[in-house]
C-alpha atoms as a PDB file:
ATOM      1  CA  UNK A   1       0.005   0.114  -0.161  1.00  0.00           C
ATOM      2  CA  UNK A   2       1.431   3.402  -0.925  1.00  0.00           C
ATOM      3  CA  UNK A   3       1.868   6.276   1.327  1.00  0.00           C
ATOM      4  CA  UNK A   4       0.045   9.397   0.288  1.00  0.00           C
ATOM      5  CA  UNK A   5       1.480  12.907   0.946  1.00  0.00           C
ATOM      6  CA  UNK A   6       0.066  16.383   0.620  1.00  0.00           C
ATOM      7  CA  UNK A   7       2.287  19.170  -0.840  1.00  0.00           C
ATOM      8  CA  UNK A   8       2.809  22.032   1.782  1.00  0.00           C
ATOM      9  CA  UNK A   9       4.239  25.183   0.191  1.00  0.00           C
ATOM     10  CA  UNK A  10       7.068  26.767   2.232  1.00  0.00           C
ATOM     11  CA  UNK A  11       6.327  30.219   3.878  1.00  0.00           C
ATOM     12  CA  UNK A  12       8.783  32.104   1.697  1.00  0.00           C
ATOM     13  CA  UNK A  13       7.227  30.646  -1.529  1.00  0.00           C
ATOM     14  CA  UNK A  14       4.953  33.650  -2.512  1.00  0.00           C
ATOM     15  CA  UNK A  15       7.663  36.380  -2.041  1.00  0.00           C
ATOM     16  CA  UNK A  16      10.949  34.858  -3.165  1.00  0.00           C
ATOM     17  CA  UNK A  17      12.187  35.198  -6.906  1.00  0.00           C
ATOM     18  CA  UNK A  18      14.021  31.746  -6.492  1.00  0.00           C
ATOM     19  CA  UNK A  19      13.937  29.185  -3.781  1.00  0.00           C
ATOM     20  CA  UNK A  20      14.971  25.408  -3.311  1.00  0.00           C
ATOM     21  CA  UNK A  21      13.654  22.382  -1.575  1.00  0.00           C
ATOM     22  CA  UNK A  22      15.509  19.125  -0.863  1.00  0.00           C
ATOM     23  CA  UNK A  23      13.441  16.021  -0.221  1.00  0.00           C
ATOM     24  CA  UNK A  24      13.517  12.392   0.182  1.00  0.00           C
ATOM     25  CA  UNK A  25      10.576  10.178  -0.435  1.00  0.00           C
ATOM     26  CA  UNK A  26      10.244   6.647   0.821  1.00  0.00           C
ATOM     27  CA  UNK A  27       9.418   3.781  -1.423  1.00  0.00           C
ATOM     28  CA  UNK A  28       5.830   3.412  -2.636  1.00  0.00           C
ATOM     29  CA  UNK A  29       5.095   7.187  -1.749  1.00  0.00           C
ATOM     30  CA  UNK A  30       2.366   9.246  -3.713  1.00  0.00           C
ATOM     31  CA  UNK A  31       2.238  12.950  -3.847  1.00  0.00           C
ATOM     32  CA  UNK A  32      -1.320  13.889  -4.333  1.00  0.00           C
ATOM     33  CA  UNK A  33      -2.315  16.191  -7.129  1.00  0.00           C
ATOM     34  CA  UNK A  34      -1.620  19.868  -6.491  1.00  0.00           C
ATOM     35  CA  UNK A  35      -0.547  22.904  -8.225  1.00  0.00           C
ATOM     36  CA  UNK A  36       1.420  26.203  -7.372  1.00  0.00           C
ATOM     37  CA  UNK A  37       1.860  29.554  -8.736  1.00  0.00           C
ATOM     38  CA  UNK A  38       5.447  29.283  -9.402  1.00  0.00           C
ATOM     39  CA  UNK A  39       7.422  27.370 -11.884  1.00  0.00           C
ATOM     40  CA  UNK A  40       9.298  24.164 -10.688  1.00  0.00           C
ATOM     41  CA  UNK A  41      12.187  22.105 -11.915  1.00  0.00           C
ATOM     42  CA  UNK A  42      12.717  18.772 -10.263  1.00  0.00           C
ATOM     43  CA  UNK A  43      16.046  17.174 -10.234  1.00  0.00           C
ATOM     44  CA  UNK A  44      15.937  13.507  -9.258  1.00  0.00           C
ATOM     45  CA  UNK A  45      19.141  12.154  -7.631  1.00  0.00           C
ATOM     46  CA  UNK A  46      18.498   8.476  -7.731  1.00  0.00           C
ATOM     47  CA  UNK A  47      16.165   6.084  -9.059  1.00  0.00           C
ATOM     48  CA  UNK A  48      13.261   7.019 -11.318  1.00  0.00           C
ATOM     49  CA  UNK A  49      10.483   9.548 -10.851  1.00  0.00           C
ATOM     50  CA  UNK A  50       7.125   8.963 -12.365  1.00  0.00           C
ATOM     51  CA  UNK A  51       4.852  12.092 -12.758  1.00  0.00           C
ATOM     52  CA  UNK A  52       1.384  12.949 -13.962  1.00  0.00           C
ATOM     53  CA  UNK A  53       0.979  16.439 -15.148  1.00  0.00           C
ATOM     54  CA  UNK A  54      -2.597  17.293 -16.181  1.00  0.00           C
ATOM     55  CA  UNK A  55      -2.948  13.756 -17.625  1.00  0.00           C
ATOM     56  CA  UNK A  56       0.512  13.679 -19.314  1.00  0.00           C
ATOM     57  CA  UNK A  57       2.920  10.998 -17.948  1.00  0.00           C
ATOM     58  CA  UNK A  58       6.396  11.830 -17.413  1.00  0.00           C
ATOM     59  CA  UNK A  59       8.987   9.296 -16.465  1.00  0.00           C
ATOM     60  CA  UNK A  60      12.583  10.164 -15.944  1.00  0.00           C
ATOM     61  CA  UNK A  61      15.950   9.085 -14.757  1.00  0.00           C
ATOM     62  CA  UNK A  62      18.364  11.234 -12.824  1.00  0.00           C
ATOM     63  CA  UNK A  63      19.939  12.726 -15.938  1.00  0.00           C
ATOM     64  CA  UNK A  64      16.711  14.752 -17.040  1.00  0.00           C
ATOM     65  CA  UNK A  65      15.091  17.247 -14.703  1.00  0.00           C
ATOM     66  CA  UNK A  66      11.311  17.805 -15.094  1.00  0.00           C
ATOM     67  CA  UNK A  67       9.852  21.375 -15.782  1.00  0.00           C
ATOM     68  CA  UNK A  68       6.393  22.138 -14.493  1.00  0.00           C
ATOM     69  CA  UNK A  69       5.082  25.530 -15.509  1.00  0.00           C
ATOM     70  CA  UNK A  70       3.109  27.538 -12.911  1.00  0.00           C
ATOM     71  CA  UNK A  71      -0.450  26.531 -12.450  1.00  0.00           C
ATOM     72  CA  UNK A  72      -0.094  23.040 -13.865  1.00  0.00           C
ATOM     73  CA  UNK A  73      -1.785  20.361 -11.636  1.00  0.00           C
ATOM     74  CA  UNK A  74       0.601  17.516 -10.980  1.00  0.00           C
ATOM     75  CA  UNK A  75       1.157  14.311  -8.983  1.00  0.00           C
ATOM     76  CA  UNK A  76       4.058  11.918  -8.593  1.00  0.00           C
ATOM     77  CA  UNK A  77       4.597   8.297  -7.563  1.00  0.00           C
ATOM     78  CA  UNK A  78       7.852   6.805  -6.455  1.00  0.00           C
ATOM     79  CA  UNK A  79       8.075   2.942  -6.607  1.00  0.00           C
ATOM     80  CA  UNK A  80      11.583   3.066  -4.976  1.00  0.00           C
ATOM     81  CA  UNK A  81      13.049   5.486  -2.455  1.00  0.00           C
ATOM     82  CA  UNK A  82      13.846   8.777  -4.261  1.00  0.00           C
ATOM     83  CA  UNK A  83      15.944  11.830  -3.518  1.00  0.00           C
ATOM     84  CA  UNK A  84      14.957  14.995  -5.380  1.00  0.00           C
ATOM     85  CA  UNK A  85      15.734  18.666  -5.414  1.00  0.00           C
ATOM     86  CA  UNK A  86      13.386  21.452  -6.692  1.00  0.00           C
ATOM     87  CA  UNK A  87      14.536  24.782  -8.069  1.00  0.00           C
ATOM     88  CA  UNK A  88      11.458  26.971  -7.897  1.00  0.00           C
ATOM     89  CA  UNK A  89      11.013  30.274  -9.877  1.00  0.00           C
ATOM     90  CA  UNK A  90       8.470  33.011  -9.581  1.00  0.00           C
ATOM     91  CA  UNK A  91       5.912  32.994 -12.169  1.00  0.00           C
ATOM     92  CA  UNK A  92       7.035  36.508 -13.513  1.00  0.00           C
ATOM     93  CA  UNK A  93      10.484  34.932 -14.496  1.00  0.00           C
ATOM     94  CA  UNK A  94       9.143  31.850 -16.347  1.00  0.00           C
ATOM     95  CA  UNK A  95       8.527  33.471 -19.647  1.00  0.00           C
ATOM     96  CA  UNK A  96      11.668  31.982 -21.318  1.00  0.00           C
ATOM     97  CA  UNK A  97      10.733  28.318 -20.282  1.00  0.00           C
ATOM     98  CA  UNK A  98       8.182  26.112 -22.126  1.00  0.00           C
ATOM     99  CA  UNK A  99       4.504  26.482 -21.788  1.00  0.00           C
ATOM    100  CA  UNK A 100       3.855  22.756 -21.077  1.00  0.00           C
ATOM    101  CA  UNK A 101       5.604  20.320 -18.731  1.00  0.00           C
ATOM    102  CA  UNK A 102       8.474  18.372 -20.162  1.00  0.00           C
ATOM    103  CA  UNK A 103      12.024  16.897 -19.570  1.00  0.00           C
ATOM    104  CA  UNK A 104      14.978  19.243 -19.934  1.00  0.00           C
ATOM    105  CA  UNK A 105      18.331  17.918 -21.273  1.00  0.00           C
ATOM    106  CA  UNK A 106      20.819  20.000 -19.216  1.00  0.00           C
ATOM    107  CA  UNK A 107      24.508  20.312 -19.131  1.00  0.00           C
ATOM    108  CA  UNK A 108      27.236  20.245 -16.454  1.00  0.00           C
ATOM    109  CA  UNK A 109      26.670  24.012 -15.614  1.00  0.00           C
ATOM    110  CA  UNK A 110      23.136  23.385 -14.362  1.00  0.00           C
ATOM    111  CA  UNK A 111      24.154  20.264 -12.251  1.00  0.00           C
ATOM    112  CA  UNK A 112      27.107  22.089 -10.839  1.00  0.00           C
ATOM    113  CA  UNK A 113      24.968  25.001  -9.456  1.00  0.00           C
ATOM    114  CA  UNK A 114      22.369  22.637  -8.135  1.00  0.00           C
ATOM    115  CA  UNK A 115      24.998  20.397  -6.486  1.00  0.00           C
ATOM    116  CA  UNK A 116      26.494  23.585  -4.799  1.00  0.00           C
ATOM    117  CA  UNK A 117      23.144  25.089  -3.575  1.00  0.00           C
ATOM    118  CA  UNK A 118      22.301  21.512  -2.171  1.00  0.00           C
ATOM    119  CA  UNK A 119      25.712  21.199  -0.405  1.00  0.00           C
ATOM    120  CA  UNK A 120      25.061  24.585   1.206  1.00  0.00           C
ATOM    121  CA  UNK A 121      21.515  23.809   1.890  1.00  0.00           C
ATOM    122  CA  UNK A 122      20.443  27.041   0.387  1.00  0.00           C
ATOM    123  CA  UNK A 123      16.735  27.512   0.662  1.00  0.00           C
ATOM    124  CA  UNK A 124      16.213  31.026  -0.765  1.00  0.00           C
ATOM    125  CA  UNK A 125      18.442  33.126  -3.035  1.00  0.00           C
ATOM    126  CA  UNK A 126      19.026  36.383  -1.036  1.00  0.00           C
ATOM    127  CA  UNK A 127      22.615  37.456  -1.380  1.00  0.00           C
ATOM    128  CA  UNK A 128      23.714  39.051  -4.706  1.00  0.00           C
ATOM    129  CA  UNK A 129      26.024  36.096  -5.470  1.00  0.00           C
ATOM    130  CA  UNK A 130      23.269  33.529  -5.063  1.00  0.00           C
ATOM    131  CA  UNK A 131      20.802  35.569  -7.173  1.00  0.00           C
ATOM    132  CA  UNK A 132      23.482  35.764  -9.795  1.00  0.00           C
ATOM    133  CA  UNK A 133      23.779  31.974  -9.712  1.00  0.00           C
ATOM    134  CA  UNK A 134      20.094  31.425 -10.008  1.00  0.00           C
ATOM    135  CA  UNK A 135      19.964  33.769 -12.925  1.00  0.00           C
ATOM    136  CA  UNK A 136      22.693  31.844 -14.655  1.00  0.00           C
ATOM    137  CA  UNK A 137      20.730  28.596 -13.820  1.00  0.00           C
ATOM    138  CA  UNK A 138      17.590  30.013 -15.204  1.00  0.00           C
ATOM    139  CA  UNK A 139      19.323  31.126 -18.406  1.00  0.00           C
ATOM    140  CA  UNK A 140      20.831  27.615 -18.751  1.00  0.00           C
ATOM    141  CA  UNK A 141      17.357  25.984 -18.335  1.00  0.00           C
ATOM    142  CA  UNK A 142      15.717  28.232 -20.781  1.00  0.00           C
ATOM    143  CA  UNK A 143      18.282  27.008 -23.407  1.00  0.00           C
ATOM    144  CA  UNK A 144      17.913  23.363 -22.500  1.00  0.00           C
ATOM    145  CA  UNK A 145      16.749  20.797 -25.296  1.00  0.00           C
ATOM    146  CA  UNK A 146      13.045  19.768 -24.418  1.00  0.00           C
ATOM    147  CA  UNK A 147      11.735  16.204 -24.376  1.00  0.00           C
ATOM    148  CA  UNK A 148       8.158  15.245 -23.906  1.00  0.00           C
ATOM    149  CA  UNK A 149       9.040  12.127 -21.891  1.00  0.00           C
ATOM    150  CA  UNK A 150      12.048   9.879 -21.583  1.00  0.00           C
ATOM    151  CA  UNK A 151       9.872   6.860 -22.093  1.00  0.00           C
ATOM    152  CA  UNK A 152       6.827   7.843 -24.186  1.00  0.00           C
ATOM    153  CA  UNK A 153       3.788   5.659 -24.249  1.00  0.00           C
ATOM    154  CA  UNK A 154       0.946   5.129 -26.828  1.00  0.00           C
ATOM    155  CA  UNK A 155      -2.538   3.954 -26.942  1.00  0.00           C
ATOM    156  CA  UNK A 156      -2.194   2.912 -30.531  1.00  0.00           C
ATOM    157  CA  UNK A 157      -3.953  -0.497 -31.022  1.00  0.00           C
ATOM    158  CA  UNK A 158      -0.689  -2.130 -32.409  1.00  0.00           C
ATOM    159  CA  UNK A 159       1.919  -0.650 -30.149  1.00  0.00           C
ATOM    160  CA  UNK A 160      -0.123  -0.426 -26.758  1.00  0.00           C
ATOM    161  CA  UNK A 161      -0.105  -4.197 -26.084  1.00  0.00           C
ATOM    162  CA  UNK A 162       3.660  -4.405 -27.060  1.00  0.00           C
ATOM    163  CA  UNK A 163       4.553  -1.718 -24.802  1.00  0.00           C
ATOM    164  CA  UNK A 164       2.537  -2.855 -21.911  1.00  0.00           C
ATOM    165  CA  UNK A 165       4.095  -6.490 -22.348  1.00  0.00           C
ATOM    166  CA  UNK A 166       7.613  -5.106 -22.296  1.00  0.00           C
ATOM    167  CA  UNK A 167       7.208  -2.788 -19.209  1.00  0.00           C
ATOM    168  CA  UNK A 168       5.940  -6.014 -17.365  1.00  0.00           C
ATOM    169  CA  UNK A 169       8.832  -7.972 -18.715  1.00  0.00           C
ATOM    170  CA  UNK A 170      11.782  -5.898 -19.961  1.00  0.00           C
ATOM    171  CA  UNK A 171      13.962  -8.838 -20.368  1.00  0.00           C
ATOM    172  CA  UNK A 172      11.809 -10.142 -23.336  1.00  0.00           C
ATOM    173  CA  UNK A 173      13.940 -10.351 -26.387  1.00  0.00           C
ATOM    174  CA  UNK A 174      11.107 -10.784 -28.838  1.00  0.00           C
ATOM    175  CA  UNK A 175      11.911  -9.060 -32.244  1.00  0.00           C
ATOM    176  CA  UNK A 176       9.900  -6.421 -33.897  1.00  0.00           C
ATOM    177  CA  UNK A 177       9.055  -8.890 -36.736  1.00  0.00           C
ATOM    178  CA  UNK A 178       7.835 -11.295 -34.117  1.00  0.00           C
ATOM    179  CA  UNK A 179       5.680  -8.771 -32.277  1.00  0.00           C
ATOM    180  CA  UNK A 180       4.179  -7.772 -35.676  1.00  0.00           C
ATOM    181  CA  UNK A 181       2.979 -11.350 -36.147  1.00  0.00           C
ATOM    182  CA  UNK A 182       1.426 -11.280 -32.609  1.00  0.00           C
ATOM    183  CA  UNK A 183      -0.538  -8.183 -33.287  1.00  0.00           C
ATOM    184  CA  UNK A 184      -1.442  -9.121 -36.752  1.00  0.00           C
ATOM    185  CA  UNK A 185       0.415  -6.433 -38.851  1.00  0.00           C
ATOM    186  CA  UNK A 186       3.720  -5.798 -40.439  1.00  0.00           C
ATOM    187  CA  UNK A 187       7.148  -5.080 -39.140  1.00  0.00           C
ATOM    188  CA  UNK A 188       7.318  -2.113 -41.450  1.00  0.00           C
ATOM    189  CA  UNK A 189       3.904  -0.663 -39.987  1.00  0.00           C
ATOM    190  CA  UNK A 190       5.229  -1.110 -36.455  1.00  0.00           C
ATOM    191  CA  UNK A 191       8.466   0.553 -37.320  1.00  0.00           C
ATOM    192  CA  UNK A 192       6.663   3.558 -38.832  1.00  0.00           C
ATOM    193  CA  UNK A 193       4.339   3.899 -35.857  1.00  0.00           C
ATOM    194  CA  UNK A 194       7.244   3.871 -33.326  1.00  0.00           C
ATOM    195  CA  UNK A 195       8.858   6.668 -35.134  1.00  0.00           C
ATOM    196  CA  UNK A 196       5.582   8.725 -35.558  1.00  0.00           C
ATOM    197  CA  UNK A 197       4.100   8.068 -32.098  1.00  0.00           C
ATOM    198  CA  UNK A 198       6.999   7.518 -29.962  1.00  0.00           C
ATOM    199  CA  UNK A 199       9.591   9.640 -31.684  1.00  0.00           C
ATOM    200  CA  UNK A 200      12.041   6.952 -31.687  1.00  0.00           C
ATOM    201  CA  UNK A 201      12.749   3.539 -33.000  1.00  0.00           C
ATOM    202  CA  UNK A 202      11.615   0.310 -31.354  1.00  0.00           C
ATOM    203  CA  UNK A 203      15.128  -0.740 -30.239  1.00  0.00           C
ATOM    204  CA  UNK A 204      15.687   2.848 -28.774  1.00  0.00           C
ATOM    205  CA  UNK A 205      12.570   2.537 -26.706  1.00  0.00           C
ATOM    206  CA  UNK A 206      13.318  -0.919 -25.354  1.00  0.00           C
ATOM    207  CA  UNK A 207      17.025   0.284 -24.460  1.00  0.00           C
ATOM    208  CA  UNK A 208      15.405   3.169 -22.547  1.00  0.00           C
ATOM    209  CA  UNK A 209      13.168   0.824 -20.819  1.00  0.00           C
ATOM    210  CA  UNK A 210      16.011  -1.405 -19.829  1.00  0.00           C
ATOM    211  CA  UNK A 211      18.144   1.537 -18.708  1.00  0.00           C
ATOM    212  CA  UNK A 212      15.487   2.596 -16.223  1.00  0.00           C
ATOM    213  CA  UNK A 213      15.230  -0.849 -14.740  1.00  0.00           C
ATOM    214  CA  UNK A 214      18.941  -1.093 -14.665  1.00  0.00           C
ATOM    215  CA  UNK A 215      19.113   2.011 -12.507  1.00  0.00           C
ATOM    216  CA  UNK A 216      16.828   0.532  -9.982  1.00  0.00           C
ATOM    217  CA  UNK A 217      18.611  -2.811  -9.811  1.00  0.00           C
ATOM    218  CA  UNK A 218      22.060  -1.064  -9.586  1.00  0.00           C
ATOM    219  CA  UNK A 219      20.851   0.982  -6.583  1.00  0.00           C
ATOM    220  CA  UNK A 220      19.500  -2.129  -4.887  1.00  0.00           C
ATOM    221  CA  UNK A 221      23.158  -3.469  -4.897  1.00  0.00           C
ATOM    222  CA  UNK A 222      22.887  -6.140  -7.818  1.00  0.00           C
ATOM    223  CA  UNK A 223      25.967  -6.871  -9.704  1.00  0.00           C
ATOM    224  CA  UNK A 224      26.470  -5.627 -13.255  1.00  0.00           C
ATOM    225  CA  UNK A 225      26.441  -9.293 -14.342  1.00  0.00           C
ATOM    226  CA  UNK A 226      23.223 -10.131 -12.601  1.00  0.00           C
ATOM    227  CA  UNK A 227      21.499  -6.849 -13.850  1.00  0.00           C
ATOM    228  CA  UNK A 228      22.509  -7.959 -17.358  1.00  0.00           C
ATOM    229  CA  UNK A 229      20.926 -11.379 -17.066  1.00  0.00           C
ATOM    230  CA  UNK A 230      17.870  -9.982 -15.530  1.00  0.00           C
ATOM    231  CA  UNK A 231      17.296  -7.611 -18.276  1.00  0.00           C
ATOM    232  CA  UNK A 232      17.728 -10.182 -21.208  1.00  0.00           C
ATOM    233  CA  UNK A 233      21.336  -9.522 -22.084  1.00  0.00           C
ATOM    234  CA  UNK A 234      23.756 -12.353 -22.787  1.00  0.00           C
ATOM    235  CA  UNK A 235      26.696 -10.685 -21.224  1.00  0.00           C
ATOM    236  CA  UNK A 236      27.585  -7.752 -18.810  1.00  0.00           C
ATOM    237  CA  UNK A 237      29.347  -6.085 -21.652  1.00  0.00           C
ATOM    238  CA  UNK A 238      26.213  -5.627 -23.601  1.00  0.00           C
ATOM    239  CA  UNK A 239      24.477  -4.094 -20.712  1.00  0.00           C
ATOM    240  CA  UNK A 240      27.589  -1.650 -20.269  1.00  0.00           C
ATOM    241  CA  UNK A 241      27.563  -0.541 -23.906  1.00  0.00           C
ATOM    242  CA  UNK A 242      23.741   0.233 -23.592  1.00  0.00           C
ATOM    243  CA  UNK A 243      24.254   1.957 -20.211  1.00  0.00           C
ATOM    244  CA  UNK A 244      27.067   4.244 -21.429  1.00  0.00           C
ATOM    245  CA  UNK A 245      25.032   5.146 -24.528  1.00  0.00           C
ATOM    246  CA  UNK A 246      22.233   6.245 -22.338  1.00  0.00           C
ATOM    247  CA  UNK A 247      23.971   7.938 -19.528  1.00  0.00           C
ATOM    248  CA  UNK A 248      27.480   8.669 -20.742  1.00  0.00           C
ATOM    249  CA  UNK A 249      28.950   6.561 -17.955  1.00  0.00           C
ATOM    250  CA  UNK A 250      29.430   2.934 -17.018  1.00  0.00           C
ATOM    251  CA  UNK A 251      27.063   1.206 -14.378  1.00  0.00           C
ATOM    252  CA  UNK A 252      29.787   1.185 -11.772  1.00  0.00           C
ATOM    253  CA  UNK A 253      30.455   4.786 -12.187  1.00  0.00           C
ATOM    254  CA  UNK A 254      26.961   5.598 -12.059  1.00  0.00           C
ATOM    255  CA  UNK A 255      26.469   3.592  -8.813  1.00  0.00           C
ATOM    256  CA  UNK A 256      29.461   5.328  -7.278  1.00  0.00           C
ATOM    257  CA  UNK A 257      27.947   8.818  -8.087  1.00  0.00           C
ATOM    258  CA  UNK A 258      24.531   7.864  -6.799  1.00  0.00           C
ATOM    259  CA  UNK A 259      26.268   6.496  -3.656  1.00  0.00           C
END
């Protein structure tokens, strides 16, 4: 049974131009739907965060913060224990950011500033130096590449049963041609629908799914070899290649950084 939490805005939320929060949520924790008058960028530090923003499902690993515009109702669910930080921006300063909720592909400058603020446990940017840091952060976020979701979904009559089956069993190595036979269509049709409705190939979608599961298993302390076998890979090296492609680092490096 999940634990349900209600969001409580900090006292300084209405008056501050920029403020931060640092939170830890236990496994199987649900934040009930809520909205606020400021914009919010959520940085996940471990595991995977699942959010619903006005009916839009956003699933993200630690590398992609989530942007939520002012006034958008949202809720979240954490299957595993999650650590996250939020950078909150007054609505009057959000004009350069997207109108809709999305993931942001950020660079090392953004992560360095967030890490510095977290290390100092900065809650409100009040000094001139901290305000300048937040303005740089805002500028970098405004320029960040947008993604609708790290792992998009579809209700398409052909794709939906395939994606659902893989989410339940990410180790399934059934080929696209074999899936096509099962859902009574052609491989070419499925390939086209993946690109049109998911914005990526079938193999890329399955890699992303396995990457999300690999993160969770690594943080549970599983060895790279066992994670590889659990996710349908024939060797640890195959998992390492996929993991580096998705995150830019090896599984062991990721585990060390998360630790």
